[in-house]
Amino acid sequence: RINRTLIEAAMSMLIDSHLPHSFWAEAISTAAYLRNRSPTRAVAGMTPYEAWTGRKPQVDGLREFGFQALCTYPKMKERS
């Protein structure tokens, strides 16, 4: 059942972000990551990540799947 849940979440993320199916592995990985950091009734009062590691998950760095990012490179110094 969890496999189907992860597959459905990954397909939803790929469709919503308009990314090609070549990003399938990243979508599945992201779905599992989010699932492990979401509350569940299986471990009352904590997340699966917290139950496994004993630490609260850090979620302040989460970004939208397929978020477009730009990369800048500093100017290279000329050799003299």
Protein backbone atom coordinates (compact mmCIF):
# COMPACT_ATOMS: atom_id res chain seq x y z
CA ARG A 1 0.00 0.00 0.00
CA ILE A 2 2.81 2.44 0.79
CA ASN A 3 4.35 1.77 -2.64
CA ARG A 4 1.12 2.82 -4.33
CA THR A 5 0.95 5.93 -2.17
CA LEU A 6 4.52 6.89 -3.11
CA ILE A 7 3.89 6.24 -6.81
CA GLU A 8 0.74 8.37 -6.79
CA ALA A 9 2.54 11.18 -4.96
CA ALA A 10 5.45 11.05 -7.40
CA MET A 11 3.15 11.12 -10.43
CA SER A 12 1.27 14.08 -8.98
CA MET A 13 4.52 15.98 -8.38
CA LEU A 14 5.79 15.27 -11.92
CA ILE A 15 2.52 16.34 -13.53
CA ASP A 16 2.21 19.49 -11.42
CA SER A 17 5.81 20.57 -12.07
CA HIS A 18 5.67 19.79 -15.83
CA LEU A 19 8.90 17.80 -15.58
CA PRO A 20 9.66 14.82 -17.87
CA HIS A 21 9.48 11.24 -16.62
CA SER A 22 13.27 11.14 -16.46
CA PHE A 23 12.89 12.82 -13.04
CA TRP A 24 10.97 9.78 -11.74
CA ALA A 25 13.68 8.73 -9.25
CA GLU A 26 13.89 12.22 -7.75
CA ALA A 27 10.10 12.37 -7.43
CA ILE A 28 9.95 9.00 -5.63
CA SER A 29 12.81 10.02 -3.35
CA THR A 30 11.07 13.30 -2.51
CA ALA A 31 7.76 11.54 -1.87
CA ALA A 32 9.43 9.12 0.57
CA TYR A 33 11.31 11.97 2.25
CA LEU A 34 8.08 13.91 2.79
CA ARG A 35 6.18 10.82 3.91
CA ASN A 36 8.76 10.12 6.62
CA ARG A 37 8.53 13.68 7.89
CA SER A 38 4.72 13.82 8.00
CA PRO A 39 2.63 12.89 11.06
CA THR A 40 1.02 9.46 11.06
CA ARG A 41 -1.26 7.46 13.35
CA ALA A 42 1.21 4.56 13.42
CA VAL A 43 3.45 6.45 15.85
CA ALA A 44 1.17 8.76 17.82
CA GLY A 45 2.50 12.23 18.52
CA MET A 46 5.56 12.05 16.26
CA THR A 47 6.72 11.47 12.71
CA PRO A 48 8.32 8.24 11.42
CA TYR A 49 11.65 10.10 11.14
CA GLU A 50 11.41 11.17 14.77
CA ALA A 51 10.51 7.67 15.90
CA TRP A 52 13.53 6.23 14.04
CA THR A 53 16.18 8.81 14.95
CA GLY A 54 14.86 10.34 18.16
CA ARG A 55 15.21 13.85 16.68
CA LYS A 56 12.59 16.21 15.30
CA PRO A 57 12.86 16.64 11.51
CA GLN A 58 14.06 19.95 10.08
CA VAL A 59 11.46 21.13 7.59
CA ASP A 60 12.48 24.79 7.19
CA GLY A 61 14.54 23.99 4.07
CA LEU A 62 11.72 22.35 2.11
CA ARG A 63 11.04 23.73 -1.36
CA GLU A 64 8.42 23.05 -3.98
CA PHE A 65 9.25 20.00 -6.15
CA GLY A 66 10.46 21.16 -9.55
CA PHE A 67 11.28 24.61 -8.17
CA GLN A 68 13.26 26.50 -10.77
CA ALA A 69 16.57 27.73 -9.42
CA LEU A 70 19.24 29.92 -10.93
CA CYS A 71 22.94 29.45 -10.41
CA THR A 72 25.44 32.29 -10.52
CA TYR A 73 29.19 31.98 -10.75
CA PRO A 74 31.54 34.59 -9.33
CA LYS A 75 33.79 36.34 -11.83
CA MET A 76 37.12 34.64 -12.21
CA LYS A 77 40.19 36.70 -11.45
CA GLU A 78 42.45 37.28 -14.41
CA ARG A 79 45.91 35.85 -14.15
CA SER A 80 48.72 38.32 -14.49
